Amino acid sequence: MLLNLTDLSDEPLQSQISRQLRAKILAGEVPAGEVLPSIRALARQTRVSVITVQRGYEALEREGLIHSRRGKGFFVSELKDKDKKEISKQ
């Protein structure tokens, strides 16, 4: 999963993660049911802390864009087009 994170931005890293993943999900680049990288794997790949990725995922989970399955990981939630439009307005 390719994310462009920068320390030079005023936006916190966790917000950059959630914003970029949110855009990919709403654009259909990451389809419903797709498994996301584990928190540790994404932290390693993006060279940020595990807590940073966890907080980014939690923000997406609160929006209903992703869900977790205990012991399985995080998955993109099934969204209707109407729901995608509503979420993208926020």
C-alpha atoms as a PDB file:
ATOM      1  CA  MET A   1       0.000   0.000   0.000  1.00  0.00           C
ATOM      2  CA  LEU A   2       1.596   3.214  -1.161  1.00  0.00           C
ATOM      3  CA  LEU A   3       1.139   6.206   1.128  1.00  0.00           C
ATOM      4  CA  ASN A   4       3.008   9.492   0.869  1.00  0.00           C
ATOM      5  CA  LEU A   5       3.713  10.674   4.404  1.00  0.00           C
ATOM      6  CA  THR A   6       5.796  13.682   5.303  1.00  0.00           C
ATOM      7  CA  ASP A   7       7.078  15.161   8.532  1.00  0.00           C
ATOM      8  CA  LEU A   8       7.150  18.579   6.871  1.00  0.00           C
ATOM      9  CA  SER A   9       3.361  18.914   6.875  1.00  0.00           C
ATOM     10  CA  ASP A  10       1.390  20.575   9.667  1.00  0.00           C
ATOM     11  CA  GLU A  11      -1.015  17.631   9.410  1.00  0.00           C
ATOM     12  CA  PRO A  12      -0.235  14.856  11.922  1.00  0.00           C
ATOM     13  CA  LEU A  13       1.037  11.584  10.450  1.00  0.00           C
ATOM     14  CA  GLN A  14      -1.981   9.648  11.746  1.00  0.00           C
ATOM     15  CA  SER A  15      -4.277  12.093   9.916  1.00  0.00           C
ATOM     16  CA  GLN A  16      -2.227  11.718   6.740  1.00  0.00           C
ATOM     17  CA  ILE A  17      -2.658   7.942   6.957  1.00  0.00           C
ATOM     18  CA  SER A  18      -6.406   8.084   7.526  1.00  0.00           C
ATOM     19  CA  ARG A  19      -6.940  10.796   4.873  1.00  0.00           C
ATOM     20  CA  GLN A  20      -4.978   8.944   2.193  1.00  0.00           C
ATOM     21  CA  LEU A  21      -6.553   5.566   2.936  1.00  0.00           C
ATOM     22  CA  ARG A  22      -9.988   7.205   3.073  1.00  0.00           C
ATOM     23  CA  ALA A  23      -9.428   8.695  -0.403  1.00  0.00           C
ATOM     24  CA  LYS A  24      -8.279   5.344  -1.795  1.00  0.00           C
ATOM     25  CA  ILE A  25     -11.322   3.551  -0.335  1.00  0.00           C
ATOM     26  CA  LEU A  26     -13.838   6.148  -1.551  1.00  0.00           C
ATOM     27  CA  ALA A  27     -12.235   6.199  -5.016  1.00  0.00           C
ATOM     28  CA  GLY A  28     -12.521   2.407  -5.228  1.00  0.00           C
ATOM     29  CA  GLU A  29      -8.761   1.888  -5.427  1.00  0.00           C
ATOM     30  CA  VAL A  30      -9.070  -0.395  -2.407  1.00  0.00           C
ATOM     31  CA  PRO A  31     -12.216  -2.510  -2.892  1.00  0.00           C
ATOM     32  CA  ALA A  32     -14.646  -3.703  -0.246  1.00  0.00           C
ATOM     33  CA  GLY A  33     -13.452  -6.806   1.556  1.00  0.00           C
ATOM     34  CA  GLU A  34      -9.804  -6.058   0.807  1.00  0.00           C
ATOM     35  CA  VAL A  35      -7.496  -6.808   3.693  1.00  0.00           C
ATOM     36  CA  LEU A  36      -5.387  -3.853   4.780  1.00  0.00           C
ATOM     37  CA  PRO A  37      -1.777  -4.236   5.851  1.00  0.00           C
ATOM     38  CA  SER A  38      -1.392  -5.106   9.513  1.00  0.00           C
ATOM     39  CA  ILE A  39      -0.679  -2.201  11.822  1.00  0.00           C
ATOM     40  CA  ARG A  40       2.891  -3.383  12.312  1.00  0.00           C
ATOM     41  CA  ALA A  41       3.483  -3.968   8.594  1.00  0.00           C
ATOM     42  CA  LEU A  42       2.185  -0.535   7.622  1.00  0.00           C
ATOM     43  CA  ALA A  43       4.220   1.088  10.405  1.00  0.00           C
ATOM     44  CA  ARG A  44       7.357  -0.645   9.108  1.00  0.00           C
ATOM     45  CA  GLN A  45       6.591   0.256   5.498  1.00  0.00           C
ATOM     46  CA  THR A  46       5.890   3.927   6.235  1.00  0.00           C
ATOM     47  CA  ARG A  47       8.564   4.206   8.933  1.00  0.00           C
ATOM     48  CA  VAL A  48       6.205   5.527  11.603  1.00  0.00           C
ATOM     49  CA  SER A  49       5.250   4.171  15.004  1.00  0.00           C
ATOM     50  CA  VAL A  50       2.703   1.423  15.505  1.00  0.00           C
ATOM     51  CA  ILE A  51       0.607   3.837  17.600  1.00  0.00           C
ATOM     52  CA  THR A  52       0.459   6.301  14.702  1.00  0.00           C
ATOM     53  CA  VAL A  53      -0.929   3.662  12.323  1.00  0.00           C
ATOM     54  CA  GLN A  54      -3.292   2.355  15.002  1.00  0.00           C
ATOM     55  CA  ARG A  55      -4.762   5.835  15.504  1.00  0.00           C
ATOM     56  CA  GLY A  56      -5.146   6.279  11.742  1.00  0.00           C
ATOM     57  CA  TYR A  57      -6.993   2.953  11.475  1.00  0.00           C
ATOM     58  CA  GLU A  58      -9.177   3.840  14.470  1.00  0.00           C
ATOM     59  CA  ALA A  59     -10.284   7.044  12.735  1.00  0.00           C
ATOM     60  CA  LEU A  60     -11.284   5.057   9.635  1.00  0.00           C
ATOM     61  CA  GLU A  61     -13.072   2.510  11.791  1.00  0.00           C
ATOM     62  CA  ARG A  62     -15.113   5.261  13.494  1.00  0.00           C
ATOM     63  CA  GLU A  63     -16.192   6.487  10.053  1.00  0.00           C
ATOM     64  CA  GLY A  64     -17.280   2.968   9.122  1.00  0.00           C
ATOM     65  CA  LEU A  65     -14.845   2.710   6.230  1.00  0.00           C
ATOM     66  CA  ILE A  66     -12.956  -0.239   7.693  1.00  0.00           C
ATOM     67  CA  HIS A  67     -13.656  -2.899  10.288  1.00  0.00           C
ATOM     68  CA  SER A  68     -11.512  -5.303  12.228  1.00  0.00           C
ATOM     69  CA  ARG A  69     -11.854  -9.001  12.806  1.00  0.00           C
ATOM     70  CA  ARG A  70     -10.134 -10.260  15.900  1.00  0.00           C
ATOM     71  CA  GLY A  71      -7.077 -12.245  14.906  1.00  0.00           C
ATOM     72  CA  LYS A  72      -7.657 -11.598  11.186  1.00  0.00           C
ATOM     73  CA  GLY A  73      -6.828  -7.911  10.698  1.00  0.00           C
ATOM     74  CA  PHE A  74      -8.502  -4.886   9.174  1.00  0.00           C
ATOM     75  CA  PHE A  75     -10.775  -5.016   6.148  1.00  0.00           C
ATOM     76  CA  VAL A  76     -12.435  -2.425   3.924  1.00  0.00           C
ATOM     77  CA  SER A  77     -16.137  -2.246   4.750  1.00  0.00           C
ATOM     78  CA  GLU A  78     -18.864  -2.755   2.157  1.00  0.00           C
ATOM     79  CA  LEU A  79     -20.317   0.671   1.340  1.00  0.00           C
ATOM     80  CA  LYS A  80     -23.207   1.642  -0.878  1.00  0.00           C
ATOM     81  CA  ASP A  81     -22.618   4.455  -3.360  1.00  0.00           C
ATOM     82  CA  LYS A  82     -25.000   6.624  -1.335  1.00  0.00           C
ATOM     83  CA  ASP A  83     -22.909   6.046   1.787  1.00  0.00           C
ATOM     84  CA  LYS A  84     -19.685   6.830  -0.090  1.00  0.00           C
ATOM     85  CA  LYS A  85     -21.115  10.149  -1.277  1.00  0.00           C
ATOM     86  CA  GLU A  86     -22.256  11.022   2.247  1.00  0.00           C
ATOM     87  CA  ILE A  87     -18.873  10.168   3.770  1.00  0.00           C
ATOM     88  CA  SER A  88     -16.974  12.056   1.065  1.00  0.00           C
ATOM     89  CA  LYS A  89     -18.907  15.235   1.919  1.00  0.00           C
ATOM     90  CA  GLN A  90     -17.558  15.174   5.459  1.00  0.00           C
END
